[in-house]
Amino acid sequence: MPNGIDAEIDRANSLTRAMLVSYGAWGAKIAVGEVQFGAYDEMLDFVNMRMETVDSCLLLIENQKVADSLGLGRSLLEYYLLFMLMCRGRKLFTLRDMTKLTEAEFKVFLREEREKCATLRAAGETAVIDVKKAPRIARHLAYVTEGYKSEDDPDFIIPAHYFHFQQFHPETMRLKDEDYFQYYEPEPELIKALKGRRAESALSYKFYLSYDALLEFLELNELIDAPVAARIEAHYTFLGKFLHPTHDAARDLHDNSNVHYGGARIGMRQNYSKVAVLLASLYLCYLTAGLIDEAAGLIEGAPEKYISRAGTDELRDLSQRVPVTFPYFWFLFNEPPLYDRFNYCVHHATDDELQEWGGYPGVPKDRVTFDQHIYSHLQHVLGGRSNVRCGEYRSPVM
């Protein structure tokens, strides 16, 4: 098995490297139309920096710094979720404070507003798509509308997350100027304005850019459904263990991880397991493909006056190889792998269902739920299994 896993690690890293090379050459293949629209350059610049992170992760994997690569993978995942909304998040909402109402009064008012909105929308008299209870804030309404429209092209919608990301600065939200060095004493009007900016920045982060907000907007825009959201939560939580202080997170990825030698050293005496290295490589491959697919879709969907040739054929060919080459890794949007179908049938399917489906590969995909234990699950995926009722599951890595 180790030789098979080594070869699989090489395949994953080689495909990631090929996507990086192709992405770097892509700029020369894009033909700008009669109008230069700066937003496309800014969006690609966003991806450029993510590709630098991908390159760093490859170097970390090659140098056996697996936990650090997974930590950066969490950052890449969050950027990927944001970029989906920057490219395709056409819906946004506006908040309305109704805290003057009791909870019972608020429920009645929400129902009335939804009915009113439906009537006006049917008559073509409102741009509001829906009225909802605002997430994570008591007794506030959220009026859902389409994103910001270009004055020159009313059919061309610019996602709100593009602007929120550009305008958000963490230091504005978190740091008070009066606690730090200042060249001069600010006027009262400026102090008041800065306080307002801090409040606006906090709201922007809470309702648009925080992790919870990203998931809410991805669902609002129907870019993910509940099962995909559950998979995002599992991957985000797993990768977060290598970004935030988590006891033994990195140790558990090593061979003989329960052996403690004591003393001071860089890292551990034991090597990272081959499965851990493969896991980091698979994450990187899928995240790279996801970012590239979003960037390619953005440029392909641009009006011709902005982009006359997208030049994405090679990029698309490489990114689409990822779920085909590594179907056993269940990421966000690929279908349940064979092992997960097999495991579901062993524990939950009846004999009649197995016969109806023609064996475990035919189980309806909506029946198969995701295994939240990412690392141990991959260990199981890479090993063969057999079952009297379900038959044989063979390792995808020989």
Protein backbone atom coordinates (compact mmCIF):
# COMPACT_ATOMS: atom_id res chain seq x y z
CA MET A 1 0.00 0.00 0.00
CA PRO A 2 2.71 2.61 0.76
CA ASN A 3 3.96 2.50 -2.83
CA GLY A 4 0.40 2.99 -4.12
CA ILE A 5 -0.16 5.95 -1.82
CA ASP A 6 3.16 7.50 -2.83
CA ALA A 7 2.09 7.30 -6.47
CA GLU A 8 -1.29 8.83 -5.61
CA ILE A 9 0.37 11.71 -3.76
CA ASP A 10 2.52 12.36 -6.83
CA ARG A 11 -0.55 12.28 -9.08
CA ALA A 12 -2.43 14.79 -6.93
CA ASN A 13 0.50 17.18 -6.57
CA SER A 14 1.35 16.92 -10.27
CA LEU A 15 -2.21 17.81 -11.24
CA THR A 16 -2.21 20.75 -8.83
CA ARG A 17 1.11 21.93 -10.27
CA ALA A 18 -0.27 21.58 -13.82
CA MET A 19 -3.27 23.74 -12.88
CA LEU A 20 -0.94 26.36 -11.43
CA VAL A 21 1.17 26.45 -14.59
CA SER A 22 -1.93 26.65 -16.79
CA TYR A 23 -3.41 29.42 -14.64
CA GLY A 24 -0.17 31.41 -14.90
CA ALA A 25 -0.32 31.19 -18.70
CA TRP A 26 -4.04 31.97 -18.87
CA GLY A 27 -3.72 35.76 -18.82
CA ALA A 28 -2.17 35.85 -22.30
CA LYS A 29 -5.15 33.88 -23.68
CA ILE A 30 -7.85 36.27 -22.46
CA ALA A 31 -8.92 38.82 -25.06
CA VAL A 32 -10.39 42.03 -23.65
CA GLY A 33 -13.38 43.48 -25.48
CA GLU A 34 -13.95 47.06 -26.53
CA VAL A 35 -14.34 48.15 -22.87
CA GLN A 36 -11.79 47.46 -20.13
CA PHE A 37 -13.79 46.60 -16.99
CA GLY A 38 -11.49 46.87 -13.99
CA ALA A 39 -13.54 44.54 -11.79
CA TYR A 40 -12.35 41.53 -13.81
CA ASP A 41 -8.72 42.44 -13.23
CA GLU A 42 -9.41 42.86 -9.52
CA MET A 43 -11.18 39.51 -9.31
CA LEU A 44 -8.31 37.74 -11.05
CA ASP A 45 -5.90 39.50 -8.72
CA PHE A 46 -7.88 37.93 -5.86
CA VAL A 47 -7.24 34.49 -7.40
CA ASN A 48 -3.59 35.31 -8.12
CA MET A 49 -2.91 35.62 -4.41
CA ARG A 50 -4.73 32.37 -3.70
CA MET A 51 -2.58 30.62 -6.29
CA GLU A 52 0.47 31.88 -4.39
CA THR A 53 -0.95 30.14 -1.31
CA VAL A 54 -1.45 26.96 -3.34
CA ASP A 55 2.19 27.14 -4.40
CA SER A 56 3.23 27.58 -0.76
CA CYS A 57 1.15 24.55 0.26
CA LEU A 58 2.83 22.40 -2.38
CA LEU A 59 6.23 23.39 -0.98
CA LEU A 60 5.05 22.55 2.54
CA ILE A 61 3.79 19.13 1.46
CA GLU A 62 7.01 18.39 -0.39
CA ASN A 63 8.93 19.30 2.78
CA GLN A 64 6.72 17.17 5.06
CA LYS A 65 5.05 20.16 6.73
CA VAL A 66 1.62 18.61 6.41
CA ALA A 67 -0.17 20.29 9.32
CA ASP A 68 0.89 23.74 8.09
CA SER A 69 -0.40 22.93 4.62
CA LEU A 70 -3.76 21.89 6.08
CA GLY A 71 -3.89 25.12 8.11
CA LEU A 72 -3.41 27.17 4.95
CA GLY A 73 -6.02 24.91 3.35
CA ARG A 74 -8.57 26.29 5.83
CA SER A 75 -7.71 29.78 4.63
CA LEU A 76 -8.08 28.66 1.00
CA LEU A 77 -11.46 27.08 1.75
CA GLU A 78 -12.79 30.30 3.28
CA TYR A 79 -11.50 32.33 0.33
CA TYR A 80 -13.12 29.82 -2.03
CA LEU A 81 -16.52 30.22 -0.34
CA LEU A 82 -16.20 34.00 -0.52
CA PHE A 83 -15.11 33.90 -4.15
CA MET A 84 -18.17 31.86 -5.11
CA LEU A 85 -20.29 34.71 -3.79
CA MET A 86 -18.12 37.38 -5.41
CA CYS A 87 -18.68 35.64 -8.75
CA ARG A 88 -22.24 34.30 -8.50
CA GLY A 89 -23.90 35.77 -5.40
CA ARG A 90 -26.66 37.72 -7.13
CA LYS A 91 -28.89 38.12 -4.05
CA LEU A 92 -28.38 40.33 -1.01
CA PHE A 93 -30.55 41.55 1.82
CA THR A 94 -31.23 44.83 3.59
CA LEU A 95 -31.89 44.82 7.34
CA ARG A 96 -34.81 46.52 9.05
CA ASP A 97 -34.74 46.98 12.81
CA MET A 98 -38.04 45.91 14.42
CA THR A 99 -36.84 45.51 18.01
CA LYS A 100 -39.63 47.85 19.14
CA LEU A 101 -42.00 44.90 18.65
CA THR A 102 -42.42 41.96 20.97
CA GLU A 103 -41.49 38.52 19.64
CA ALA A 104 -45.15 37.68 19.04
CA GLU A 105 -45.78 41.01 17.29
CA PHE A 106 -42.65 40.51 15.19
CA LYS A 107 -43.89 37.12 13.92
CA VAL A 108 -47.20 38.66 12.87
CA PHE A 109 -45.46 41.60 11.20
CA LEU A 110 -43.09 39.24 9.34
CA ARG A 111 -46.02 37.26 7.97
CA GLU A 112 -47.81 40.44 6.88
CA GLU A 113 -44.67 41.80 5.20
CA ARG A 114 -44.16 38.54 3.29
CA GLU A 115 -47.75 38.60 2.07
CA LYS A 116 -47.43 42.27 1.09
CA CYS A 117 -44.17 41.56 -0.74
CA ALA A 118 -45.72 38.63 -2.66
CA THR A 119 -48.63 40.82 -3.79
CA LEU A 120 -46.36 43.67 -4.92
CA ARG A 121 -43.99 41.27 -6.67
CA ALA A 122 -46.86 39.69 -8.60
CA ALA A 123 -47.87 43.17 -9.75
CA GLY A 124 -44.28 44.02 -10.70
CA GLU A 125 -44.18 46.87 -8.17
CA THR A 126 -41.24 45.86 -5.99
CA ALA A 127 -37.66 44.66 -6.43
CA VAL A 128 -37.87 42.70 -3.18
CA ILE A 129 -37.69 38.96 -3.85
CA ASP A 130 -38.51 37.78 -0.34
CA VAL A 131 -38.79 38.92 3.27
CA LYS A 132 -37.12 36.76 5.92
CA LYS A 133 -36.18 36.81 9.57
CA ALA A 134 -32.65 38.18 9.68
CA PRO A 135 -30.05 35.63 10.76
CA ARG A 136 -28.20 35.94 14.09
CA ILE A 137 -29.92 39.14 15.25
CA ALA A 138 -33.20 39.35 17.15
CA ARG A 139 -36.32 40.93 15.65
CA HIS A 140 -34.81 42.22 12.43
CA LEU A 141 -36.25 41.71 8.96
CA ALA A 142 -34.12 40.88 5.93
CA TYR A 143 -35.47 42.18 2.60
CA VAL A 144 -33.93 40.04 -0.16
CA THR A 145 -33.16 41.74 -3.48
CA GLU A 146 -30.83 41.24 -6.43
CA GLY A 147 -27.29 42.63 -6.26
CA TYR A 148 -26.04 45.99 -7.43
CA LYS A 149 -26.65 46.74 -11.10
CA SER A 150 -24.39 48.56 -13.51
CA GLU A 151 -25.71 51.94 -14.62
CA ASP A 152 -24.53 51.24 -18.18
CA ASP A 153 -25.95 47.71 -18.31
CA PRO A 154 -29.01 47.15 -16.05
CA ASP A 155 -28.98 43.39 -16.75
CA PHE A 156 -25.40 43.10 -15.46
CA ILE A 157 -25.42 42.45 -11.71
CA ILE A 158 -22.31 42.98 -9.60
CA PRO A 159 -22.44 40.78 -6.46
CA ALA A 160 -22.54 42.67 -3.17
CA HIS A 161 -19.73 40.54 -1.72
CA TYR A 162 -17.33 42.04 -4.26
CA PHE A 163 -17.82 45.45 -2.65
CA HIS A 164 -17.97 44.23 0.95
CA PHE A 165 -14.67 42.40 0.55
CA GLN A 166 -12.99 45.41 -1.07
CA GLN A 167 -14.17 47.82 1.60
CA PHE A 168 -13.60 45.70 4.69
CA HIS A 169 -10.51 46.34 6.83
CA PRO A 170 -10.16 44.32 10.08
CA GLU A 171 -8.30 47.14 11.84
CA THR A 172 -11.26 49.48 11.24
CA MET A 173 -13.58 47.01 12.96
CA ARG A 174 -11.36 45.99 15.86
CA LEU A 175 -8.98 48.84 16.72
CA LYS A 176 -9.91 52.15 18.28
CA ASP A 177 -7.67 55.02 17.15
CA GLU A 178 -7.59 56.55 20.63
CA ASP A 179 -5.77 53.45 21.94
CA TYR A 180 -2.86 53.95 19.52
CA PHE A 181 -0.36 56.58 18.39
CA GLN A 182 -1.89 59.56 16.59
CA TYR A 183 -0.06 62.45 14.91
CA TYR A 184 -2.67 64.95 16.08
CA GLU A 185 -5.77 65.08 18.24
CA PRO A 186 -8.80 64.37 16.01
CA GLU A 187 -11.76 66.73 15.89
CA PRO A 188 -15.02 65.55 17.55
CA GLU A 189 -16.66 65.24 14.13
CA LEU A 190 -13.91 62.89 12.96
CA ILE A 191 -14.17 60.79 16.14
CA LYS A 192 -17.89 60.43 15.53
CA ALA A 193 -17.33 59.50 11.87
CA LEU A 194 -14.70 56.89 12.77
CA LYS A 195 -17.04 55.37 15.32
CA GLY A 196 -19.70 55.11 12.62
CA ARG A 197 -17.24 53.46 10.24
CA ARG A 198 -16.32 50.95 12.92
CA ALA A 199 -19.99 50.06 13.43
CA GLU A 200 -20.53 49.72 9.67
CA SER A 201 -17.46 47.52 9.35
CA ALA A 202 -18.68 45.26 12.17
CA LEU A 203 -22.07 44.89 10.47
CA SER A 204 -20.43 44.15 7.11
CA TYR A 205 -18.34 41.42 8.67
CA LYS A 206 -21.17 39.91 10.71
CA PHE A 207 -23.74 39.78 7.93
CA TYR A 208 -21.61 39.38 4.80
CA LEU A 209 -18.04 38.21 5.42
CA SER A 210 -18.02 36.03 8.54
CA TYR A 211 -18.01 32.28 8.02
CA ASP A 212 -21.66 31.95 9.15
CA ALA A 213 -22.64 34.77 6.81
CA LEU A 214 -20.89 33.11 3.87
CA LEU A 215 -22.88 29.91 4.40
CA GLU A 216 -26.13 31.86 4.75
CA PHE A 217 -25.54 33.74 1.50
CA LEU A 218 -24.42 30.62 -0.35
CA GLU A 219 -27.73 28.99 0.60
CA LEU A 220 -29.70 32.17 -0.12
CA ASN A 221 -28.21 32.21 -3.63
CA GLU A 222 -28.88 28.47 -4.04
CA LEU A 223 -25.17 27.82 -4.62
CA ILE A 224 -25.26 25.14 -1.91
CA ASP A 225 -27.96 23.07 -0.26
CA ALA A 226 -28.16 21.59 3.24
CA PRO A 227 -26.05 18.47 2.52
CA VAL A 228 -23.29 20.58 0.90
CA ALA A 229 -23.43 22.98 3.85
CA ALA A 230 -22.92 20.02 6.20
CA ARG A 231 -19.87 18.92 4.21
CA ILE A 232 -18.46 22.45 4.29
CA GLU A 233 -18.91 22.51 8.07
CA ALA A 234 -17.04 19.21 8.45
CA HIS A 235 -14.12 20.20 6.19
CA TYR A 236 -13.95 23.70 7.69
CA THR A 237 -13.86 22.30 11.22
CA PHE A 238 -11.25 19.67 10.38
CA LEU A 239 -8.93 22.11 8.62
CA GLY A 240 -9.46 24.65 11.39
CA LYS A 241 -7.76 22.30 13.84
CA PHE A 242 -4.47 23.10 12.08
CA LEU A 243 -5.06 26.84 12.05
CA HIS A 244 -6.29 27.36 15.61
CA PRO A 245 -4.84 25.85 18.81
CA THR A 246 -6.17 22.27 19.00
CA HIS A 247 -4.66 19.60 21.24
CA ASP A 248 -2.78 16.87 19.34
CA ALA A 249 -4.25 17.83 15.96
CA ALA A 250 -0.87 17.66 14.20
CA ARG A 251 0.41 14.77 16.33
CA ASP A 252 -2.53 12.57 15.35
CA LEU A 253 -1.45 12.74 11.68
CA HIS A 254 1.89 11.03 12.39
CA ASP A 255 2.84 7.36 12.34
CA ASN A 256 2.87 5.89 15.85
CA SER A 257 1.39 9.14 17.09
CA ASN A 258 0.85 7.82 20.62
CA VAL A 259 4.61 7.40 21.16
CA HIS A 260 6.12 10.36 23.07
CA TYR A 261 9.93 10.67 23.04
CA GLY A 262 10.20 13.85 25.10
CA GLY A 263 12.89 16.49 24.66
CA ALA A 264 13.05 19.49 22.35
CA ARG A 265 13.01 19.19 18.57
CA ILE A 266 11.38 20.73 15.51
CA GLY A 267 8.18 18.80 15.01
CA MET A 268 8.14 15.08 15.84
CA ARG A 269 10.64 12.30 15.46
CA GLN A 270 8.04 10.24 13.61
CA ASN A 271 7.03 11.02 10.04
CA TYR A 272 3.61 12.16 8.96
CA SER A 273 1.64 9.16 7.76
CA LYS A 274 1.34 8.62 4.02
CA VAL A 275 -2.45 8.98 4.38
CA ALA A 276 -2.01 12.42 6.00
CA VAL A 277 0.26 13.56 3.17
CA LEU A 278 -2.26 12.30 0.61
CA LEU A 279 -5.09 14.07 2.46
CA ALA A 280 -3.25 17.40 2.31
CA SER A 281 -2.56 16.85 -1.39
CA LEU A 282 -6.20 16.03 -2.13
CA TYR A 283 -7.46 19.09 -0.30
CA LEU A 284 -5.07 21.29 -2.25
CA CYS A 285 -6.03 19.73 -5.57
CA TYR A 286 -9.77 20.18 -5.03
CA LEU A 287 -9.43 23.73 -3.67
CA THR A 288 -7.25 24.76 -6.60
CA ALA A 289 -9.76 23.32 -9.07
CA GLY A 290 -12.64 25.06 -7.29
CA LEU A 291 -11.01 28.48 -7.40
CA ILE A 292 -10.02 28.01 -11.04
CA ASP A 293 -13.53 26.90 -12.01
CA GLU A 294 -15.04 30.01 -10.41
CA ALA A 295 -12.52 32.27 -12.15
CA ALA A 296 -13.09 30.55 -15.50
CA GLY A 297 -16.87 30.82 -15.12
CA LEU A 298 -16.58 34.50 -14.28
CA ILE A 299 -14.59 35.29 -17.42
CA GLU A 300 -16.68 32.99 -19.63
CA GLY A 301 -19.86 34.71 -18.45
CA ALA A 302 -18.59 38.26 -19.00
CA PRO A 303 -20.45 40.36 -21.58
CA GLU A 304 -18.61 40.36 -24.92
CA LYS A 305 -17.95 44.08 -24.72
CA TYR A 306 -15.74 43.32 -21.69
CA ILE A 307 -14.27 39.91 -22.62
CA SER A 308 -14.25 38.79 -26.27
CA ARG A 309 -12.33 35.53 -25.67
CA ALA A 310 -12.16 33.67 -22.35
CA GLY A 311 -9.41 31.23 -23.33
CA THR A 312 -10.36 28.75 -20.61
CA ASP A 313 -10.22 25.42 -22.51
CA GLU A 314 -6.98 24.15 -20.97
CA LEU A 315 -7.92 25.35 -17.49
CA ARG A 316 -11.29 23.64 -17.67
CA ASP A 317 -9.75 20.42 -18.94
CA LEU A 318 -7.37 20.28 -15.98
CA SER A 319 -9.85 21.30 -13.27
CA GLN A 320 -12.44 18.80 -14.49
CA ARG A 321 -9.92 16.00 -14.15
CA VAL A 322 -9.84 16.40 -10.37
CA PRO A 323 -13.15 14.72 -9.39
CA VAL A 324 -12.65 12.11 -12.12
CA THR A 325 -9.10 11.25 -11.03
CA PHE A 326 -9.83 11.31 -7.29
CA PRO A 327 -13.51 10.36 -6.92
CA TYR A 328 -12.87 8.63 -3.59
CA PHE A 329 -12.34 11.98 -1.80
CA TRP A 330 -15.73 13.45 -0.97
CA PHE A 331 -15.24 17.21 -1.02
CA LEU A 332 -18.07 19.71 -1.56
CA PHE A 333 -19.79 19.14 -4.89
CA ASN A 334 -18.75 15.69 -6.11
CA GLU A 335 -21.04 12.69 -5.63
CA PRO A 336 -20.81 10.14 -2.79
CA PRO A 337 -17.76 7.91 -3.38
CA LEU A 338 -18.07 4.13 -3.66
CA TYR A 339 -16.78 3.55 -0.14
CA ASP A 340 -19.48 5.79 1.38
CA ARG A 341 -22.14 3.98 -0.65
CA PHE A 342 -20.74 0.64 0.50
CA ASN A 343 -20.58 1.73 4.14
CA TYR A 344 -24.14 3.07 4.03
CA CYS A 345 -25.48 -0.19 2.61
CA VAL A 346 -23.62 -2.33 5.14
CA HIS A 347 -25.24 -0.48 8.04
CA HIS A 348 -28.58 0.75 6.69
CA ALA A 349 -29.76 -0.92 3.46
CA THR A 350 -32.15 -3.88 3.46
CA ASP A 351 -31.67 -6.92 1.25
CA ASP A 352 -34.64 -5.85 -0.85
CA GLU A 353 -33.15 -2.39 -1.37
CA LEU A 354 -29.79 -3.84 -2.37
CA GLN A 355 -31.54 -6.00 -4.94
CA GLU A 356 -33.57 -3.04 -6.20
CA TRP A 357 -30.43 -0.90 -6.58
CA GLY A 358 -28.36 -3.62 -8.21
CA GLY A 359 -25.81 -3.58 -5.39
CA TYR A 360 -24.25 -0.90 -3.25
CA PRO A 361 -22.98 1.31 -6.15
CA GLY A 362 -26.62 1.98 -7.08
CA VAL A 363 -27.75 3.39 -3.74
CA PRO A 364 -29.54 6.75 -4.27
CA LYS A 365 -26.99 9.45 -3.53
CA ASP A 366 -29.36 11.41 -1.29
CA ARG A 367 -29.42 8.43 1.09
CA VAL A 368 -25.67 8.61 1.71
CA THR A 369 -24.56 10.99 4.45
CA PHE A 370 -21.11 12.42 4.93
CA ASP A 371 -18.63 10.99 7.44
CA GLN A 372 -17.42 13.89 9.58
CA HIS A 373 -14.22 12.08 10.65
CA ILE A 374 -12.10 13.23 7.73
CA TYR A 375 -8.73 11.62 8.45
CA SER A 376 -9.88 8.25 9.76
CA HIS A 377 -12.43 8.09 6.95
CA LEU A 378 -9.72 8.42 4.31
CA GLN A 379 -7.81 5.63 6.05
CA HIS A 380 -10.88 3.41 5.67
CA VAL A 381 -11.43 4.49 2.05
CA LEU A 382 -7.92 3.38 1.10
CA GLY A 383 -8.40 -0.11 2.53
CA GLY A 384 -10.47 -2.86 0.91
CA ARG A 385 -13.50 -4.38 2.63
CA SER A 386 -16.00 -7.14 2.01
CA ASN A 387 -19.46 -7.89 3.34
CA VAL A 388 -21.63 -10.98 2.96
CA ARG A 389 -24.68 -8.97 1.89
CA CYS A 390 -23.06 -6.08 0.01
CA GLY A 391 -20.11 -7.75 -1.66
CA GLU A 392 -16.60 -6.35 -2.06
CA TYR A 393 -15.25 -2.84 -1.88
CA ARG A 394 -11.80 -2.48 -3.44
CA SER A 395 -9.27 0.17 -2.54
CA PRO A 396 -8.96 2.91 -5.18
CA VAL A 397 -5.20 2.94 -4.56
CA MET A 398 -3.42 -0.27 -5.47
